Protein backbone atom coordinates (compact mmCIF):
# COMPACT_ATOMS: atom_id res chain seq x y z
CA MET A 1 215.45 10.68 59.43
CA SER A 2 213.18 7.71 59.02
CA LEU A 3 211.68 5.84 61.98
CA THR A 4 213.96 2.80 61.52
CA ASP A 5 216.76 5.05 62.03
CA VAL A 6 215.58 6.65 65.05
CA PHE A 7 214.75 3.30 66.80
CA ALA A 8 218.12 1.84 65.63
CA SER A 9 220.29 4.97 67.20
CA LYS A 10 222.38 4.27 70.28
CA ASP A 11 221.18 7.19 72.13
CA PHE A 12 217.23 6.37 71.49
CA ASP A 13 215.04 7.18 74.81
CA PRO A 14 211.53 5.66 74.45
CA GLU A 15 210.29 8.21 77.15
CA LYS A 16 211.67 11.10 75.41
CA TYR A 17 210.28 9.82 72.11
CA VAL A 18 207.01 9.57 73.39
CA SER A 19 207.06 12.88 74.88
CA ASP A 20 208.20 14.47 71.42
CA VAL A 21 205.51 12.65 69.71
CA GLY A 22 202.71 13.75 72.03
CA SER A 23 203.99 17.63 71.64
CA GLN A 24 204.18 17.41 67.87
CA CYS A 25 200.90 15.67 67.25
CA VAL A 26 197.91 17.96 67.30
CA GLY A 27 194.71 16.26 67.86
CA GLY A 28 193.71 12.33 67.64
CA VAL A 29 194.16 12.09 63.87
CA GLU A 30 197.46 12.66 63.71
CA LEU A 31 198.42 10.25 66.51
CA ILE A 32 196.40 7.48 64.75
CA ASN A 33 198.45 8.31 61.68
CA HIS A 34 201.74 7.91 63.49
CA LYS A 35 200.40 4.69 65.06
CA SER A 36 199.77 3.31 61.69
CA LYS A 37 203.20 4.17 60.81
CA LEU A 38 204.34 2.44 63.74
CA GLN A 39 202.49 -0.76 62.97
CA THR A 40 203.68 -0.80 59.33
CA LEU A 41 207.24 -0.70 60.48
CA SER A 42 206.53 -3.42 62.95
CA ASP A 43 205.19 -5.66 60.04
CA GLU A 44 208.08 -4.79 57.84
CA THR A 45 210.56 -5.64 60.79
CA HIS A 46 208.84 -9.07 61.26
CA VAL A 47 208.98 -10.12 57.42
CA ALA A 48 212.64 -9.28 57.25
CA LEU A 49 213.29 -11.42 60.31
CA LYS A 50 211.60 -14.32 58.94
CA LYS A 51 213.29 -13.97 55.69
CA ASN A 52 216.83 -13.64 57.64
CA VAL A 53 215.88 -16.85 59.49
CA PHE A 54 215.03 -18.86 56.31
CA GLN A 55 218.16 -17.58 54.65
CA HIS A 56 220.29 -18.98 57.51
CA TYR A 57 218.23 -22.15 58.35
CA GLU A 58 220.54 -24.37 56.40
CA GLN A 59 223.53 -22.77 57.94
CA PHE A 60 221.97 -23.47 61.46
CA ILE A 61 221.44 -27.47 60.38
CA GLU A 62 225.12 -27.54 59.36
CA THR A 63 226.17 -26.19 62.55
CA ALA A 64 224.15 -28.47 64.52
CA LYS A 65 225.42 -31.59 62.50
CA ASP A 66 229.01 -30.23 63.06
CA ILE A 67 228.56 -30.08 66.76
CA SER A 68 226.89 -33.62 67.00
CA TYR A 69 229.97 -34.90 65.09
CA LEU A 70 232.26 -33.08 67.32
CA ALA A 71 230.71 -34.85 70.21
CA GLY A 72 230.93 -38.42 69.12
CA GLU A 73 234.61 -37.67 68.24
CA MET A 74 235.27 -36.31 71.90
CA TYR A 75 233.43 -39.57 72.84
CA GLN A 76 235.79 -41.60 70.91
CA ILE A 77 238.69 -39.93 72.03
CA SER A 78 237.67 -40.46 75.77
CA GLN A 79 236.94 -44.12 75.03
CA MET A 80 240.55 -44.49 73.32
CA LEU A 81 242.04 -42.79 76.41
CA ARG A 82 240.32 -45.16 79.09
CA ASP A 83 241.42 -48.14 76.83
CA GLN A 84 244.78 -46.80 76.68
CA LYS A 85 244.93 -46.39 80.40
CA THR A 86 243.81 -49.76 81.03
CA LEU A 87 246.45 -51.04 78.77
CA VAL A 88 249.04 -49.22 80.69
CA GLN A 89 248.02 -50.43 84.00
CA ASN A 90 248.17 -54.00 82.97
CA ILE A 91 251.40 -53.47 81.67
CA LEU A 92 252.60 -52.15 84.91
CA ASP A 93 251.08 -55.09 86.63
CA THR A 94 252.58 -57.70 84.67
CA SER A 95 256.14 -55.78 84.49
CA ILE A 96 259.27 -57.93 85.16
CA ILE A 97 261.09 -55.16 86.64
CA ALA A 98 258.64 -53.91 89.04
CA LYS A 99 259.11 -54.98 92.67
CA ARG A 100 257.24 -57.93 93.89
CA PRO A 101 256.62 -58.89 97.65
CA THR A 102 258.16 -62.04 98.43
CA PRO A 103 255.80 -64.66 99.16
CA GLN A 104 255.58 -65.61 102.92
CA VAL A 105 252.64 -68.07 102.97
CA PRO A 106 253.28 -71.18 101.07
CA ILE A 107 249.92 -71.93 99.79
CA THR A 108 249.33 -69.56 96.78
CA PRO A 109 246.25 -69.38 94.80
CA THR A 110 246.18 -71.34 91.40
CA GLU A 111 246.40 -69.55 88.23
CA PRO A 112 242.92 -69.86 87.30
CA GLU A 113 241.69 -68.15 90.58
CA ALA A 114 244.04 -65.22 90.10
CA LYS A 115 242.88 -64.91 86.56
CA VAL A 116 239.20 -64.81 87.68
CA LYS A 117 239.75 -62.47 90.42
CA SER A 118 241.85 -60.11 88.29
CA THR A 119 239.27 -60.40 85.59
CA THR A 120 236.55 -59.53 87.96
CA VAL A 121 238.38 -56.47 89.17
CA ASP A 122 239.11 -55.27 85.95
CA ASP A 123 235.22 -55.71 84.77
CA ASN A 124 234.07 -53.87 88.04
CA ARG A 125 236.44 -50.93 87.26
CA LYS A 126 235.36 -50.44 83.66
CA LYS A 127 231.74 -50.55 84.72
CA LEU A 128 232.66 -47.76 87.16
CA LEU A 129 234.70 -45.78 84.61
CA THR A 130 231.60 -46.07 82.25
CA LEU A 131 229.26 -45.10 84.87
CA LEU A 132 231.62 -41.92 85.68
CA GLU A 133 231.27 -40.92 81.80
CA LYS A 134 227.52 -41.31 81.74
CA VAL A 135 226.60 -39.64 84.98
CA GLU A 136 227.48 -36.13 86.08
CA GLY A 137 228.78 -35.65 89.61
CA ALA A 138 229.07 -39.61 90.39
CA ALA A 139 232.96 -39.31 91.32
CA GLU A 140 232.65 -39.32 94.96
CA VAL A 141 230.60 -42.23 94.75
CA ILE A 142 232.87 -44.49 92.85
CA GLU A 143 236.12 -43.39 94.46
CA HIS A 144 235.44 -46.17 97.06
CA ASP A 145 237.70 -49.32 96.42
CA HIS A 146 235.34 -51.86 98.15
CA ARG A 147 232.19 -50.46 96.18
CA VAL A 148 231.16 -52.96 93.43
CA LEU A 149 228.29 -52.55 90.70
CA ILE A 150 225.59 -55.14 90.85
CA HIS A 151 222.87 -54.02 88.51
CA GLU A 152 221.73 -50.93 86.48
CA GLY A 153 218.92 -50.20 84.44
CA ASP A 154 216.33 -47.55 83.22
CA LEU A 155 213.58 -46.30 85.59
CA LEU A 156 210.61 -44.10 85.53
CA GLU A 157 209.68 -42.39 88.77
CA ILE A 158 206.06 -42.39 89.78
CA ASP A 159 204.09 -39.73 91.98
CA PRO A 160 203.01 -41.87 94.88
CA ASP A 161 199.58 -39.90 95.19
CA SER A 162 198.52 -39.53 91.64
CA TYR A 163 200.35 -42.21 89.99
CA SER A 164 201.56 -40.04 87.16
CA ALA A 165 204.91 -40.08 85.53
CA VAL A 166 207.27 -37.74 87.19
CA GLN A 167 210.79 -38.11 85.72
CA ARG A 168 213.05 -40.53 83.90
CA LYS A 169 215.88 -42.00 85.81
CA ARG A 170 218.99 -44.27 85.82
CA GLY A 171 219.29 -46.67 88.85
CA TYR A 172 222.61 -48.14 90.03
CA LEU A 173 222.66 -50.69 92.56
CA PHE A 174 225.91 -51.39 94.53
CA ASN A 175 227.01 -53.64 97.08
CA ASP A 176 226.29 -51.05 99.92
CA GLY A 177 223.68 -48.75 98.21
CA ILE A 178 221.68 -47.46 95.59
CA MET A 179 222.54 -44.52 93.43
CA LEU A 180 219.89 -42.56 91.50
CA ALA A 181 220.45 -40.30 88.61
CA GLN A 182 218.18 -37.80 86.78
CA TRP A 183 217.89 -37.85 82.89
CA VAL A 184 219.11 -34.49 81.45
CA PRO A 185 217.02 -34.28 78.23
CA ASN A 186 218.62 -31.22 76.42
CA ARG A 187 222.26 -32.38 76.35
CA ARG A 188 224.52 -33.73 73.80
CA GLY A 189 227.54 -36.15 74.56
CA PRO A 190 227.92 -39.20 76.83
CA GLN A 191 226.87 -37.54 80.10
CA ARG A 192 223.11 -37.76 79.75
CA TYR A 193 222.64 -38.20 83.47
CA LYS A 194 223.27 -35.94 86.63
CA PHE A 195 223.79 -37.41 89.88
CA GLU A 196 220.74 -37.25 92.21
CA ALA A 197 221.39 -39.05 95.45
CA PHE A 198 223.14 -42.07 97.12
CA TYR A 199 221.10 -44.34 99.69
CA GLU A 200 222.54 -46.74 101.88
CA LEU A 201 221.06 -50.23 101.67
CA GLY A 202 220.61 -50.46 105.47
CA ALA A 203 218.36 -47.51 105.47
CA ILE A 204 216.21 -48.61 102.54
CA GLY A 205 212.75 -50.32 102.93
CA LEU A 206 211.45 -52.30 99.85
CA VAL A 207 208.05 -52.75 99.21
CA VAL A 208 207.43 -55.17 96.30
CA ASN A 209 203.61 -55.67 95.89
CA ILE A 210 201.54 -52.45 95.84
CA ARG A 211 197.87 -53.32 96.59
CA ASP A 212 196.25 -49.91 95.02
CA PRO A 213 194.32 -51.11 91.71
CA GLU A 214 195.25 -47.82 90.21
CA CYS A 215 199.03 -48.47 90.73
CA PRO A 216 200.85 -48.92 87.50
CA LYS A 217 202.53 -52.38 86.53
CA CYS A 218 206.24 -53.48 87.17
CA VAL A 219 206.61 -51.00 90.14
CA PHE A 220 208.41 -51.36 93.32
CA LYS A 221 208.59 -48.95 96.30
CA LEU A 222 211.70 -47.68 98.12
CA LEU A 223 210.91 -46.31 101.65
CA ILE A 224 213.95 -43.90 102.48
CA PHE A 225 212.91 -41.78 105.47
CA PRO A 226 211.11 -39.32 105.24
CA SER A 227 210.54 -39.76 101.22
CA VAL A 228 209.06 -42.27 99.19
CA HIS A 229 210.47 -43.45 95.72
CA LEU A 230 208.08 -45.15 93.34
CA LEU A 231 210.04 -46.69 90.44
CA GLN A 232 208.48 -48.24 87.27
CA CYS A 233 210.63 -50.84 85.34
CA PRO A 234 210.25 -51.45 81.72
CA ASN A 235 209.10 -54.91 82.18
CA GLN A 236 208.19 -57.57 84.95
CA GLN A 237 211.82 -59.60 84.25
CA GLU A 238 213.70 -56.17 84.94
CA LYS A 239 211.36 -55.52 87.99
CA ASP A 240 212.14 -59.20 89.36
CA ALA A 241 216.06 -58.41 89.01
CA TRP A 242 215.91 -55.37 90.79
CA VAL A 243 213.98 -56.72 93.66
CA ASN A 244 216.22 -60.06 93.71
CA ASN A 245 219.54 -58.07 93.70
CA ILE A 246 218.36 -55.48 96.35
CA GLU A 247 217.04 -58.38 98.91
CA GLY A 248 220.23 -60.31 98.23
CA GLN A 249 222.63 -57.33 99.04
CA GLN A 250 220.48 -56.61 102.05
CA LYS A 251 220.75 -60.01 103.43
CA ILE A 252 224.47 -60.02 102.73
CA LEU A 253 224.65 -56.82 104.80
CA ARG A 254 222.64 -58.32 107.81
CA ASN A 255 224.72 -61.58 107.84
CA PRO A 256 228.20 -60.33 106.78
CA ILE A 257 229.94 -63.35 108.56
CA LYS A 258 227.72 -66.11 106.99
CA SER A 259 228.04 -64.41 103.57
CA VAL A 260 231.86 -64.51 104.03
CA ASN A 261 231.95 -67.73 105.20
CA LYS A 262 229.69 -69.14 102.29
CA SER A 263 231.95 -67.30 99.76
CA MET A 264 235.06 -68.87 101.14
CA SER A 265 233.72 -72.37 100.99
CA ILE A 266 232.78 -71.48 97.05
CA GLU A 267 236.36 -70.16 96.63
CA SER A 268 238.26 -72.72 98.24
CA PRO A 269 236.34 -75.96 98.68
CA VAL A 270 239.21 -78.14 99.02
CA THR A 271 242.16 -77.25 101.63
CA GLU A 272 245.25 -79.34 101.77
CA THR A 273 246.61 -80.37 105.14
CA ASN A 274 250.21 -81.16 106.26
CA PRO A 275 250.45 -84.51 107.89
CA GLY A 276 253.28 -83.44 110.08
CA PHE A 277 251.32 -80.62 111.98
CA PRO A 278 247.50 -80.66 113.22
CA SER A 279 244.94 -78.83 111.59
CA ILE A 280 243.22 -75.75 112.83
CA ASP A 281 239.82 -77.62 113.14
CA SER A 282 241.50 -80.47 114.95
CA GLU A 283 242.75 -77.88 117.55
CA ARG A 284 239.50 -76.46 117.71
CA ALA A 285 237.83 -79.61 118.26
CA LYS A 286 240.25 -80.63 121.03
CA SER A 287 239.63 -77.33 123.01
CA PRO A 288 236.42 -77.72 125.17
CA GLU A 289 236.25 -74.19 126.60
CA ASP A 290 236.05 -72.86 122.85
CA SER A 291 233.42 -75.13 121.90
CA SER A 292 231.29 -74.38 124.94
CA MET A 293 231.76 -70.47 124.27
CA VAL A 294 230.33 -71.09 120.69
CA SER A 295 227.47 -73.26 121.90
CA LEU A 296 226.28 -70.40 124.15
CA GLN A 297 226.18 -67.69 121.44
CA HIS A 298 222.88 -68.76 119.88
CA PRO A 299 221.98 -67.00 116.54
CA LEU A 300 219.51 -64.02 116.89
CA PRO A 301 215.99 -64.64 115.48
CA GLU A 302 215.25 -63.62 111.90
CA TRP A 303 212.68 -60.72 113.29
CA VAL A 304 215.39 -59.27 115.61
CA LEU A 305 217.55 -58.91 112.62
CA ASP A 306 214.95 -57.40 110.52
CA ILE A 307 213.20 -54.95 113.04
CA PRO A 308 215.49 -51.88 112.16
CA GLU A 309 214.39 -52.25 108.38
CA ASP A 310 210.85 -53.25 109.46
CA LEU A 311 210.47 -50.07 111.83
CA ASP A 312 211.49 -47.86 108.57
CA VAL A 313 208.74 -49.54 106.64
CA TRP A 314 206.03 -48.94 109.39
CA ILE A 315 207.26 -45.48 110.01
CA ALA A 316 207.05 -44.51 106.46
CA GLN A 317 203.61 -46.02 106.02
CA ARG A 318 202.61 -44.23 109.40
CA ASN A 319 201.58 -47.51 110.80
CA PHE A 320 202.65 -46.25 114.09
CA ILE A 321 200.96 -48.76 116.23
CA GLU A 322 202.61 -51.73 114.83
CA ALA A 323 205.81 -50.27 115.02
CA VAL A 324 205.17 -49.60 118.86
CA ASN A 325 204.02 -53.17 119.35
CA HIS A 326 207.12 -54.56 117.76
CA TYR A 327 209.27 -52.07 119.85
CA GLU A 328 207.73 -53.35 122.96
CA THR A 329 208.20 -56.76 122.19
CA PHE A 330 211.98 -56.12 120.99
CA LEU A 331 212.88 -54.40 124.53
CA GLU A 332 211.04 -57.73 126.19
CA PHE A 333 213.50 -59.88 124.00
CA VAL A 334 216.63 -57.80 124.93
CA GLU A 335 215.86 -58.05 128.53
CA SER A 336 215.56 -61.95 128.59
CA GLN A 337 218.82 -62.19 126.62
CA GLN A 338 222.62 -61.48 127.41
CA MET A 339 223.87 -58.32 125.60
CA SER A 340 225.89 -59.18 122.44
CA PRO A 341 227.80 -56.94 120.29
CA SER A 342 225.31 -57.80 117.46
CA LEU A 343 222.36 -57.42 119.86
CA LYS A 344 223.89 -54.09 121.18
CA ASP A 345 224.01 -52.57 117.31
CA ILE A 346 220.57 -53.80 116.47
CA LYS A 347 219.30 -51.95 119.81
CA SER A 348 221.14 -48.65 118.87
CA LYS A 349 219.57 -48.78 115.30
CA VAL A 350 216.25 -49.49 116.76
CA GLU A 351 216.45 -46.62 119.33
CA ALA A 352 217.36 -44.34 116.45
CA ARG A 353 214.31 -45.39 114.70
CA ILE A 354 212.10 -44.70 117.67
CA LYS A 355 213.61 -41.33 118.34
CA THR A 356 212.42 -40.59 114.92
CA LEU A 357 209.18 -41.93 115.39
CA ILE A 358 208.65 -39.78 118.67
CA GLU A 359 209.78 -36.63 116.51
CA ILE A 360 206.84 -37.34 114.13
CA LEU A 361 204.28 -37.77 116.86
CA VAL A 362 205.22 -34.53 118.63
CA SER A 363 205.21 -32.46 115.01
CA ASP A 364 201.66 -34.12 114.55
CA LEU A 365 200.49 -32.63 118.07
CA GLU A 366 202.39 -29.44 117.63
CA ILE A 367 201.73 -28.35 113.78
CA MET A 368 197.99 -28.08 113.51
CA THR A 369 195.80 -25.51 111.65
CA PRO A 370 192.93 -24.05 113.21
CA ALA A 371 190.51 -26.01 110.88
CA LYS A 372 192.42 -29.21 112.00
CA ILE A 373 192.27 -28.52 115.50
CA LEU A 374 188.60 -28.43 115.61
CA GLN A 375 188.36 -32.03 113.81
CA GLY A 376 187.19 -34.64 116.48
CA GLY A 377 188.04 -33.01 119.73
CA PRO A 378 190.31 -34.76 122.10
CA ARG A 379 189.73 -38.21 120.55
CA SER A 380 191.57 -37.00 117.30
CA ILE A 381 194.91 -36.79 119.04
CA ARG A 382 194.24 -39.67 121.39
CA LYS A 383 196.13 -42.11 119.02
CA SER A 384 199.58 -40.09 119.17
CA VAL A 385 199.22 -39.31 122.88
CA ASP A 386 198.76 -42.99 123.81
CA LEU A 387 201.82 -43.93 121.67
CA LEU A 388 203.89 -41.35 123.35
CA VAL A 389 203.01 -42.41 126.65
CA ARG A 390 203.74 -46.10 125.61
CA LEU A 391 207.02 -44.87 124.57
CA GLY A 392 207.95 -43.44 127.82
CA ARG A 393 207.28 -39.67 127.07
CA GLU A 394 204.19 -39.22 129.41
CA ASN A 395 205.25 -35.60 130.58
CA GLN A 396 205.95 -34.37 126.89
CA ALA A 397 202.60 -36.09 125.89
CA SER A 398 200.80 -34.47 128.85
CA GLN A 399 202.03 -31.13 128.01
CA LEU A 400 201.21 -31.36 124.13
CA PHE A 401 197.60 -32.67 125.09
CA LEU A 402 197.02 -29.85 127.49
CA ALA A 403 198.23 -27.27 124.77
CA HIS A 404 196.19 -28.79 122.18
CA ARG A 405 193.00 -28.59 124.44
CA SER A 406 193.81 -24.67 125.17
CA ALA A 407 193.93 -23.94 121.36
CA TYR A 408 190.82 -26.04 120.66
CA ILE A 409 188.81 -24.32 123.57
CA LYS A 410 190.14 -20.83 122.08
CA GLN A 411 188.86 -21.82 118.65
CA ARG A 412 185.47 -23.04 119.68
CA LEU A 413 184.89 -19.41 121.76
CA LYS A 414 186.01 -17.62 118.63
CA GLN A 415 183.30 -19.52 116.56
CA LEU A 416 180.88 -18.53 118.62
CA LYS A 417 178.38 -15.89 117.12
CA THR A 418 177.41 -12.65 118.87
CA GLU A 419 173.73 -12.74 117.88
CA GLY A 420 170.87 -11.46 120.04
CA ARG A 421 171.38 -10.49 123.81
CA SER A 422 174.74 -10.14 125.25
CA GLN A 423 173.61 -12.21 128.10
CA ILE A 424 172.58 -15.05 125.96
CA TYR A 425 176.03 -14.86 124.27
CA LEU A 426 177.78 -15.17 127.79
CA ASP A 427 175.73 -17.96 128.78
CA HIS A 428 176.76 -19.96 125.80
CA MET A 429 180.54 -19.02 126.33
CA ALA A 430 180.15 -20.22 130.06
CA VAL A 431 178.59 -23.70 128.81
CA ILE A 432 181.17 -24.14 125.92
CA PHE A 433 184.00 -23.55 128.35
CA PHE A 434 183.26 -25.44 130.95
CA SER A 435 182.04 -28.37 128.93
CA ASN A 436 185.29 -28.80 127.32
CA ILE A 437 186.97 -28.58 130.47
CA GLN A 438 185.07 -31.51 131.87
CA GLU A 439 185.66 -33.34 128.47
CA THR A 440 189.25 -32.65 128.80
CA MET A 441 189.62 -33.89 132.46
CA LYS A 442 187.70 -37.12 131.18
CA GLU A 443 190.37 -37.67 128.53
CA TYR A 444 193.14 -36.86 130.62
CA LYS A 445 192.02 -39.30 133.18
CA ARG A 446 191.72 -42.09 130.51
CA SER A 447 194.97 -41.34 128.67
CA PHE A 448 197.50 -40.70 131.73
CA SER A 449 198.24 -42.31 135.10
CA PHE A 450 197.20 -40.06 138.04
CA LYS A 451 200.39 -39.79 139.72
CA THR A 452 201.54 -36.56 141.68
CA CYS A 453 202.98 -34.93 138.66
CA GLY A 454 200.24 -35.84 136.51
CA VAL A 455 197.46 -34.42 138.76
CA SER A 456 199.62 -31.19 139.48
CA SER A 457 199.80 -30.39 135.81
CA LEU A 458 196.16 -30.84 135.36
CA VAL A 459 195.23 -28.42 138.33
CA VAL A 460 197.57 -25.99 137.04
CA TRP A 461 196.17 -25.94 133.78
CA VAL A 462 192.53 -26.00 134.61
CA ASN A 463 193.50 -22.94 137.13
CA SER A 464 195.24 -21.02 134.17
CA GLU A 465 192.26 -21.46 131.82
CA VAL A 466 189.74 -20.61 134.20
CA VAL A 467 191.76 -17.54 135.17
CA ASN A 468 191.94 -16.38 131.62
CA PHE A 469 188.26 -17.16 130.70
CA ALA A 470 187.13 -15.26 133.70
CA ASN A 471 188.84 -12.30 133.00
CA SER A 472 187.76 -12.30 129.44
CA TYR A 473 183.97 -12.93 130.57
CA CYS A 474 184.36 -10.15 132.91
CA ARG A 475 185.71 -7.61 130.23
CA LEU A 476 182.12 -8.45 128.26
CA LEU A 477 179.99 -8.57 131.19
CA PHE A 478 180.81 -5.62 133.26
CA GLY A 479 180.58 -2.62 131.04
CA PRO A 480 179.92 0.94 131.67
CA GLN A 481 176.22 0.10 130.52
CA ALA A 482 175.86 -2.99 132.37
CA HIS A 483 172.39 -3.34 134.23
CA LEU A 484 172.43 -5.02 137.57
CA SER A 485 169.70 -7.56 136.90
CA SER A 486 171.49 -9.00 133.65
CA VAL A 487 174.98 -9.06 135.58
CA SER A 488 173.31 -10.74 138.59
CA GLN A 489 171.94 -13.66 136.03
CA SER A 490 175.14 -14.11 134.29
CA VAL A 491 177.23 -14.30 137.45
CA ALA A 492 174.76 -16.98 139.02
CA ASN A 493 174.78 -19.12 135.59
CA LEU A 494 178.84 -18.82 135.56
CA ARG A 495 178.99 -20.05 139.18
CA ALA A 496 176.84 -22.61 138.55
CA GLU A 497 178.50 -24.07 135.43
CA SER A 498 181.93 -23.87 137.59
CA GLN A 499 180.25 -25.73 140.43
CA GLN A 500 179.98 -28.80 137.79
CA LEU A 501 183.70 -29.34 138.08
CA ILE A 502 183.28 -30.55 141.87
CA GLU A 503 182.06 -33.82 140.56
CA PHE A 504 185.46 -34.28 138.83
CA GLY A 505 187.26 -33.64 142.28
CA MET A 506 188.06 -29.88 141.40
CA ASP A 507 186.36 -27.11 143.19
CA ILE A 508 187.53 -23.86 141.10
CA THR A 509 184.62 -21.60 142.88
CA CYS A 510 186.98 -19.76 145.01
CA THR A 511 188.96 -18.83 141.88
CA VAL A 512 185.80 -17.55 140.19
CA ASP A 513 184.44 -15.71 142.93
CA SER A 514 188.10 -13.64 143.61
CA ILE A 515 187.97 -12.74 139.96
CA LEU A 516 184.32 -11.62 139.92
CA LEU A 517 184.22 -10.03 143.53
CA PRO A 518 185.73 -6.50 142.31
CA HIS A 519 183.84 -6.48 139.43
CA ILE A 520 180.60 -6.95 141.43
CA GLU A 521 181.52 -4.36 143.97
CA ARG A 522 182.29 -1.91 141.41
CA THR A 523 178.99 -2.63 139.69
CA VAL A 524 176.95 -2.47 142.76
CA THR A 525 178.70 1.00 143.76
CA ASP A 526 177.98 2.42 140.31
CA ALA A 527 174.26 1.38 140.29
CA LYS A 528 173.91 2.62 143.96
CA ASP A 529 175.44 6.07 142.70
CA LYS A 530 173.22 6.07 139.68
CA LEU A 531 169.98 5.39 141.82
CA ILE A 532 170.80 8.17 144.31
CA GLU A 533 171.28 10.42 141.31
CA ALA A 534 168.21 9.40 139.89
CA VAL A 535 166.53 9.94 142.95
CA LYS A 536 168.01 13.51 143.20
CA THR A 537 166.89 14.46 139.99
CA SER A 538 163.28 13.29 140.55
CA LEU A 539 162.75 15.61 143.31
CA PRO A 540 161.13 19.17 143.30
CA PHE A 541 163.51 22.02 143.34
CA GLY A 542 162.62 23.06 146.59
CA MET A 543 162.97 19.49 148.31
CA ARG A 544 166.26 19.73 146.42
CA LEU A 545 167.52 23.07 148.29
CA GLU A 546 166.34 21.45 151.73
CA HIS A 547 168.36 18.34 150.98
CA LEU A 548 171.44 20.37 150.39
């Protein structure tokens, strides 16, 4: 039985084969010969496989051509079905038998206007159906009747950090949002893209000019919290089209009433009036109450309308100080104005952005690695703490600040090296601990108002930190081999360091003494017993008996 038949058998077991070969072969020479046979069989198999591939290569090419031809046929069939569907829909719309609503309004649109409107609707429907054929998973996006496709084009996503190309994409701008689709490279047929995401225009911040010299050309940035999309257009003309269309649709969304009035004035510039009845404008002119109410409603400033989008941009760029400054200005404006529905809506959007900003500041203070905690001391978190205080989160900022300081002190003590005498190490521990406590109290006094709640939280924190440190200090100092002289020196240094806090209005000497006192008493008692035992052992034998 040849090796080929052995390997091709259904019940071939590699482990059993190796064990049989090892038991049959005697010495290394037979194993080497068997290895050479296996290598020869492997080479023959590779040669036969290559020949087989070359023989069927033409068949592979023909099969690929047939698949491509079938894909084109399927696309043509889908195109024909779509055209037939449109034709049937047009026939139903123009059917004489179909029921039509009786006109109740005497003024009807003219025939050219109706044709233009129907043509626009049909064009938009065709565009959406074409989009559905090109993008996989976009059915939920185009199912809305009010959604209109404004602009589309190929884009290249750029990495915001390294400015390297990430992925080819297709962008679709609607009247209420932007859809991004990913390019699927190894796919045949019309659906070359896959749906990625749909973003509402109200939640998008647009950055046109990027001042980084390393940034590629024809690039614009979409700020969509918490992510950033840097997109490159094929040319400057395409970039201008994207920017103008996005800004135009955002303005329409901000001022829908103005845009509707403008469109109405464009669509119907001339209105016919009935001489027998007064017009609506004349009736409005005759009512002084209505005119006074209209005159009292002043339009909101442009910066108030734009502040939700501006806050999105500043938060995405981590320009938190600018965001808080404008938020405070907005609150002053709201207090000085009468609350209207539009202002109330803007205020709710602004509050949602500020809530997101608070969550970011809190996460910056909570999530810190040991290496990052030691960078800069309390000044490294001063900015976040001050912003939280300005946003009305003083208690939360106080807790986060003190928790950060506890972690900082703990890391500083961990980094202290135990070199030389233990007394020197303990003295360095006391100096580092109490100097950081003093620095914390200075920074706390600068950042927070010294109200009753603020002072009480600081006192509780200092007390707990001192208790934890004193217990750790005592475990290191009062050991079984501790000398009374070194203990007394370390205790004196510790009390001297703790008394420095009296200058800041906080006396914790009693807390330190209450923790040290039991250990000192036990150490003195042990030293007394050792001294008595040493005196006893140094006496002559006869004097020991007399003593007993």
